[in-house]
């Protein structure tokens, strides 16, 4: 990657002065939530939504469980976002365990509810450890799903990208080819799986550009509020966790306040380094909690309207 003059100046500023001194707030953000299972979880979710809403995100996405297991709850959450907030919701939709007709019906229901943005994913198998097998009458992959959505309506479509390569991909080249098929089918942008080293993103961005991909690739940021949980999630999707990060969180299991301070510091510095490299769009995996994402946005100069 060749840095522009502005990026070189920004990188120098990041070294010569306090990391977060007088940042311009010229970033765009989006947030991911998951549909709540209980009344208490729903209260936490909507408290988080109300906290983050004044930051005027480009969109907020709502996940869709394996095999469509949260279909009704996802739809209910997305519909409430349309009715009760100023936010632009993006509903996740997967290919797992459903026919094309069933998936198309869900997409049309979202359209009828006023939803114009879909995060189109192949999806994970409903049972851990199994390989994905397309439904006999279903969409065989995310690229086919994107093409199907484009036939239904003028959706804005986001897809997934894997800066450390999808666990099932045979090679980096094959993985980039798969991303290209999704974009060529009509997707507008890619959002990456979470990662923990800025160089991982920059390398992936450069490889994508060399492969002729010009669409926006938004880094997915997972603030580490619970290291043990993050480690389990990382193992499932093939994300590497730096050794120093594990050592940093050692001994904080029973000290949530201290753990939160460490988590905010690590995530904010990580985003600051991405910013210094020219990144201006961030997608936060909130796990339905607002504080860490809100703090990071604040430090990057993104303030409530």
Protein backbone atom coordinates (compact mmCIF):
# COMPACT_ATOMS: atom_id res chain seq x y z
CA UNK A 1 0.00 0.00 0.00
CA UNK A 2 1.33 3.44 -0.96
CA UNK A 3 0.20 6.11 1.49
CA UNK A 4 -1.05 9.43 0.17
CA UNK A 5 0.45 12.66 1.49
CA UNK A 6 -2.59 13.18 3.74
CA UNK A 7 -2.26 9.66 5.13
CA UNK A 8 1.47 10.12 5.76
CA UNK A 9 0.77 13.35 7.61
CA UNK A 10 -1.95 11.64 9.63
CA UNK A 11 0.37 8.74 10.47
CA UNK A 12 3.04 11.21 11.65
CA UNK A 13 0.48 13.05 13.78
CA UNK A 14 -0.50 9.77 15.41
CA UNK A 15 3.09 9.34 16.59
CA UNK A 16 4.04 12.93 17.47
CA UNK A 17 1.01 14.00 19.50
CA UNK A 18 -1.63 12.41 21.73
CA UNK A 19 -3.27 9.65 19.69
CA UNK A 20 -6.75 11.15 19.74
CA UNK A 21 -5.96 14.87 19.81
CA UNK A 22 -8.43 16.94 17.76
CA UNK A 23 -9.47 14.29 15.27
CA UNK A 24 -11.83 15.70 12.68
CA UNK A 25 -14.67 13.26 13.24
CA UNK A 26 -14.75 12.53 9.51
CA UNK A 27 -15.66 8.88 9.93
CA UNK A 28 -18.80 6.99 8.99
CA UNK A 29 -19.97 4.22 11.31
CA UNK A 30 -22.46 1.38 11.39
CA UNK A 31 -23.43 -1.03 14.17
CA UNK A 32 -24.48 -4.67 14.37
CA UNK A 33 -27.01 -6.05 16.86
CA UNK A 34 -28.58 -9.46 17.40
CA UNK A 35 -32.26 -10.12 18.18
CA UNK A 36 -32.89 -10.56 21.93
CA UNK A 37 -34.08 -13.83 23.46
CA UNK A 38 -35.50 -12.51 26.72
CA UNK A 39 -37.24 -9.43 28.07
CA UNK A 40 -34.08 -8.39 29.93
CA UNK A 41 -31.97 -8.80 26.79
CA UNK A 42 -34.50 -6.75 24.85
CA UNK A 43 -34.22 -3.95 27.39
CA UNK A 44 -30.43 -4.00 27.07
CA UNK A 45 -30.65 -3.97 23.28
CA UNK A 46 -32.96 -0.98 23.09
CA UNK A 47 -30.96 0.96 25.66
CA UNK A 48 -27.94 0.40 23.42
CA UNK A 49 -29.81 1.42 20.29
CA UNK A 50 -30.97 4.65 21.92
CA UNK A 51 -27.42 5.37 23.10
CA UNK A 52 -25.91 4.89 19.64
CA UNK A 53 -28.69 6.48 17.59
CA UNK A 54 -27.43 10.09 18.11
CA UNK A 55 -24.16 9.12 16.40
CA UNK A 56 -26.17 8.95 13.14
CA UNK A 57 -24.79 5.66 11.82
CA UNK A 58 -25.13 4.91 8.12
CA UNK A 59 -27.11 1.81 9.04
CA UNK A 60 -27.57 -0.74 11.81
CA UNK A 61 -27.66 -4.44 10.99
CA UNK A 62 -29.58 -7.19 12.77
CA UNK A 63 -28.27 -10.75 12.63
CA UNK A 64 -30.10 -13.87 11.51
CA UNK A 65 -29.50 -17.12 13.40
CA UNK A 66 -28.19 -20.31 11.85
CA UNK A 67 -30.85 -22.06 9.85
CA UNK A 68 -33.15 -19.07 10.20
CA UNK A 69 -33.53 -19.82 13.91
CA UNK A 70 -34.11 -16.16 14.77
CA UNK A 71 -36.18 -15.28 11.70
CA UNK A 72 -39.20 -13.97 13.59
CA UNK A 73 -37.14 -12.15 16.20
CA UNK A 74 -34.92 -10.59 13.54
CA UNK A 75 -37.97 -9.39 11.62
CA UNK A 76 -39.57 -8.02 14.79
CA UNK A 77 -36.40 -6.11 15.73
CA UNK A 78 -35.93 -4.70 12.24
CA UNK A 79 -39.59 -3.67 12.01
CA UNK A 80 -39.38 -1.89 15.35
CA UNK A 81 -36.27 -0.04 14.18
CA UNK A 82 -38.26 1.22 11.19
CA UNK A 83 -41.23 2.28 13.33
CA UNK A 84 -39.56 3.77 16.38
CA UNK A 85 -36.16 5.17 15.38
CA UNK A 86 -34.51 7.38 12.81
CA UNK A 87 -32.04 4.61 12.00
CA UNK A 88 -31.68 2.75 8.71
CA UNK A 89 -31.94 -0.97 9.46
CA UNK A 90 -30.13 -3.64 7.47
CA UNK A 91 -31.57 -7.13 7.89
CA UNK A 92 -29.30 -10.16 7.69
CA UNK A 93 -30.51 -12.93 5.38
CA UNK A 94 -28.89 -16.33 4.81
CA UNK A 95 -29.21 -19.31 2.48
CA UNK A 96 -29.37 -21.96 5.21
CA UNK A 97 -32.17 -24.56 5.37
CA UNK A 98 -34.65 -22.63 3.24
CA UNK A 99 -35.89 -22.76 -0.35
CA UNK A 100 -35.54 -19.85 -2.73
CA UNK A 101 -39.25 -19.24 -2.42
CA UNK A 102 -39.06 -19.04 1.38
CA UNK A 103 -36.09 -16.69 1.28
CA UNK A 104 -37.74 -14.54 -1.37
CA UNK A 105 -40.85 -14.30 0.82
CA UNK A 106 -38.74 -13.07 3.74
CA UNK A 107 -37.07 -10.49 1.50
CA UNK A 108 -40.44 -9.26 0.23
CA UNK A 109 -41.71 -9.02 3.82
CA UNK A 110 -38.73 -6.82 4.66
CA UNK A 111 -39.42 -4.66 1.63
CA UNK A 112 -43.06 -4.30 2.66
CA UNK A 113 -41.91 -3.30 6.16
CA UNK A 114 -39.83 -0.48 4.68
CA UNK A 115 -36.45 -2.20 4.84
CA UNK A 116 -34.24 -1.38 1.87
CA UNK A 117 -30.87 -2.76 3.03
CA UNK A 118 -29.99 -6.46 3.28
CA UNK A 119 -26.80 -8.09 4.55
CA UNK A 120 -26.69 -11.15 2.27
CA UNK A 121 -24.77 -14.13 3.68
CA UNK A 122 -24.40 -17.78 2.82
CA UNK A 123 -24.73 -18.50 6.53
CA UNK A 124 -23.31 -21.10 8.88
CA UNK A 125 -24.67 -24.66 9.14
CA UNK A 126 -27.33 -25.02 11.85
CA UNK A 127 -25.17 -27.56 13.69
CA UNK A 128 -21.60 -26.76 14.67
CA UNK A 129 -18.91 -28.79 12.94
CA UNK A 130 -20.96 -29.60 9.85
CA UNK A 131 -20.22 -28.31 6.37
CA UNK A 132 -22.69 -26.11 4.55
CA UNK A 133 -25.02 -28.02 2.24
CA UNK A 134 -27.37 -25.97 0.07
CA UNK A 135 -31.09 -26.61 0.34
CA UNK A 136 -32.20 -28.66 -2.71
CA UNK A 137 -34.40 -25.77 -3.85
CA UNK A 138 -32.37 -23.01 -2.24
CA UNK A 139 -29.70 -20.49 -3.10
CA UNK A 140 -26.38 -22.30 -3.34
CA UNK A 141 -24.24 -19.43 -2.05
CA UNK A 142 -24.19 -15.74 -1.18
CA UNK A 143 -23.57 -14.64 -4.78
CA UNK A 144 -26.75 -16.42 -5.89
CA UNK A 145 -28.63 -14.85 -2.97
CA UNK A 146 -27.44 -11.38 -3.99
CA UNK A 147 -28.61 -11.98 -7.56
CA UNK A 148 -31.98 -13.18 -6.26
CA UNK A 149 -32.42 -10.10 -4.07
CA UNK A 150 -31.63 -7.84 -7.02
CA UNK A 151 -34.52 -9.44 -8.91
CA UNK A 152 -36.92 -8.79 -6.03
CA UNK A 153 -36.25 -5.13 -5.35
CA UNK A 154 -33.76 -2.30 -5.47
CA UNK A 155 -32.12 -3.32 -2.20
CA UNK A 156 -28.85 -1.92 -0.96
CA UNK A 157 -26.82 -5.06 -0.33
CA UNK A 158 -23.81 -5.69 1.90
CA UNK A 159 -21.86 -8.95 1.90
CA UNK A 160 -19.15 -10.54 4.05
CA UNK A 161 -15.40 -10.50 3.45
CA UNK A 162 -12.69 -12.43 5.27
CA UNK A 163 -9.37 -10.59 5.70
CA UNK A 164 -7.79 -13.78 7.07
CA UNK A 165 -9.54 -15.98 4.47
CA UNK A 166 -12.76 -17.91 4.96
CA UNK A 167 -12.08 -21.15 6.89
CA UNK A 168 -13.47 -23.22 4.01
CA UNK A 169 -11.55 -21.46 1.25
CA UNK A 170 -8.73 -23.37 -0.43
CA UNK A 171 -6.62 -20.26 -1.00
CA UNK A 172 -6.56 -16.48 -0.75
CA UNK A 173 -7.12 -16.27 -4.50
CA UNK A 174 -10.20 -18.50 -4.31
CA UNK A 175 -11.58 -16.45 -1.42
CA UNK A 176 -11.12 -13.18 -3.34
CA UNK A 177 -12.76 -14.77 -6.39
CA UNK A 178 -15.77 -15.60 -4.23
CA UNK A 179 -15.94 -12.01 -2.97
CA UNK A 180 -15.74 -10.77 -6.56
CA UNK A 181 -18.69 -13.00 -7.55
CA UNK A 182 -20.79 -11.46 -4.77
CA UNK A 183 -19.92 -7.93 -5.81
CA UNK A 184 -20.43 -8.69 -9.49
CA UNK A 185 -23.88 -10.12 -8.65
CA UNK A 186 -24.92 -6.70 -7.37
CA UNK A 187 -23.61 -6.17 -3.82
CA UNK A 188 -22.70 -2.59 -2.96
CA UNK A 189 -20.06 -3.17 -0.28
CA UNK A 190 -18.29 -5.80 1.77
CA UNK A 191 -18.02 -5.82 5.57
CA UNK A 192 -15.14 -7.81 6.99
CA UNK A 193 -15.14 -10.44 9.66
CA UNK A 194 -13.53 -9.06 12.82
CA UNK A 195 -9.73 -9.09 13.10
CA UNK A 196 -7.19 -7.69 15.55
CA UNK A 197 -4.16 -6.43 13.62
CA UNK A 198 -4.45 -3.33 11.37
CA UNK A 199 -1.96 -4.84 8.94
CA UNK A 200 -4.41 -7.70 8.35
CA UNK A 201 -6.92 -5.25 6.93
CA UNK A 202 -4.40 -3.22 4.91
CA UNK A 203 -2.98 -6.39 3.35
CA UNK A 204 -6.47 -7.62 2.46
CA UNK A 205 -7.47 -4.24 1.03
CA UNK A 206 -4.35 -4.19 -1.15
CA UNK A 207 -4.94 -7.76 -2.35
CA UNK A 208 -8.55 -6.91 -3.20
CA UNK A 209 -7.46 -3.85 -5.17
CA UNK A 210 -4.83 -5.89 -7.02
CA UNK A 211 -7.59 -8.36 -7.93
CA UNK A 212 -9.61 -5.54 -9.47
CA UNK A 213 -12.15 -5.10 -6.67
CA UNK A 214 -13.10 -1.45 -6.28
CA UNK A 215 -16.11 -1.70 -3.99
CA UNK A 216 -16.01 -0.35 -0.46
CA UNK A 217 -14.54 -2.82 2.06
CA UNK A 218 -15.53 -1.81 5.58
CA UNK A 219 -13.50 -3.19 8.49
CA UNK A 220 -15.57 -5.03 11.09
CA UNK A 221 -14.53 -4.08 14.64
CA UNK A 222 -15.19 -6.28 17.66
CA UNK A 223 -14.34 -4.51 20.94
CA UNK A 224 -13.22 -7.25 23.32
CA UNK A 225 -15.52 -7.02 26.32
CA UNK A 226 -15.09 -10.69 27.25
CA UNK A 227 -11.83 -12.30 26.17
CA UNK A 228 -12.94 -15.92 26.69
CA UNK A 229 -16.05 -15.32 24.57
CA UNK A 230 -14.00 -13.53 21.89
CA UNK A 231 -11.55 -16.44 21.77
CA UNK A 232 -14.39 -18.91 21.15
CA UNK A 233 -15.83 -16.72 18.40
CA UNK A 234 -12.40 -16.32 16.80
CA UNK A 235 -11.81 -20.08 16.72
CA UNK A 236 -15.11 -20.59 14.91
CA UNK A 237 -14.30 -18.16 12.10
CA UNK A 238 -10.54 -18.61 11.80
CA UNK A 239 -9.55 -15.23 13.23
CA UNK A 240 -6.09 -15.01 14.78
CA UNK A 241 -5.78 -13.46 18.23
CA UNK A 242 -2.35 -11.93 18.97
CA UNK A 243 -0.58 -13.49 21.93
CA UNK A 244 -0.11 -10.11 23.57
CA UNK A 245 -3.88 -9.63 23.70
CA UNK A 246 -4.43 -12.79 25.71
CA UNK A 247 -1.70 -11.79 28.14
CA UNK A 248 -3.18 -8.31 28.46
CA UNK A 249 -6.53 -9.65 29.63
CA UNK A 250 -5.05 -12.20 32.06
CA UNK A 251 -6.26 -11.75 35.63
CA UNK A 252 -9.19 -9.50 34.72
CA UNK A 253 -11.93 -12.14 34.67
CA UNK A 254 -13.35 -10.98 38.00
CA UNK A 255 -12.64 -7.28 37.49
CA UNK A 256 -15.20 -6.04 34.95
CA UNK A 257 -14.44 -2.34 35.41
CA UNK A 258 -10.71 -2.80 34.81
CA UNK A 259 -11.44 -5.19 31.95
CA UNK A 260 -13.67 -2.56 30.33
CA UNK A 261 -10.92 0.06 30.53
CA UNK A 262 -8.41 -2.31 28.95
CA UNK A 263 -10.91 -3.29 26.25
CA UNK A 264 -11.65 0.32 25.36
CA UNK A 265 -7.95 1.20 25.22
CA UNK A 266 -7.07 -1.74 22.97
CA UNK A 267 -9.99 -1.23 20.58
CA UNK A 268 -9.56 2.53 20.37
CA UNK A 269 -5.84 2.28 19.57
CA UNK A 270 -6.62 -0.40 16.97
CA UNK A 271 -9.16 1.89 15.27
CA UNK A 272 -6.76 4.84 15.53
CA UNK A 273 -4.14 2.88 13.60
CA UNK A 274 -6.71 2.01 10.94
CA UNK A 275 -7.67 5.68 10.77
CA UNK A 276 -4.01 6.66 10.34
CA UNK A 277 -3.92 4.29 7.36
CA UNK A 278 -6.79 6.05 5.65
CA UNK A 279 -9.82 4.13 6.95
CA UNK A 280 -12.89 6.32 7.39
CA UNK A 281 -15.65 3.70 7.62
CA UNK A 282 -16.06 1.38 10.61
CA UNK A 283 -18.62 -1.34 11.35
CA UNK A 284 -18.90 -2.24 15.04
CA UNK A 285 -20.01 -5.65 16.30
CA UNK A 286 -21.65 -4.34 19.47
CA UNK A 287 -22.90 -7.61 21.03
CA UNK A 288 -25.89 -5.42 21.96
CA UNK A 289 -23.85 -3.23 24.29
CA UNK A 290 -23.15 0.39 23.46
CA UNK A 291 -20.46 1.68 25.82
CA UNK A 292 -17.31 0.45 24.08
CA UNK A 293 -18.47 1.35 20.57
CA UNK A 294 -19.71 4.75 21.74
CA UNK A 295 -16.42 5.50 23.50
CA UNK A 296 -14.34 4.53 20.46
CA UNK A 297 -16.47 6.70 18.16
CA UNK A 298 -16.12 9.60 20.60
CA UNK A 299 -12.33 9.24 20.69
CA UNK A 300 -12.22 9.19 16.86
CA UNK A 301 -14.11 12.49 16.85
CA UNK A 302 -17.55 11.10 16.01
CA UNK A 303 -19.88 12.91 18.40
CA UNK A 304 -23.61 12.79 19.04
CA UNK A 305 -25.62 15.06 16.80
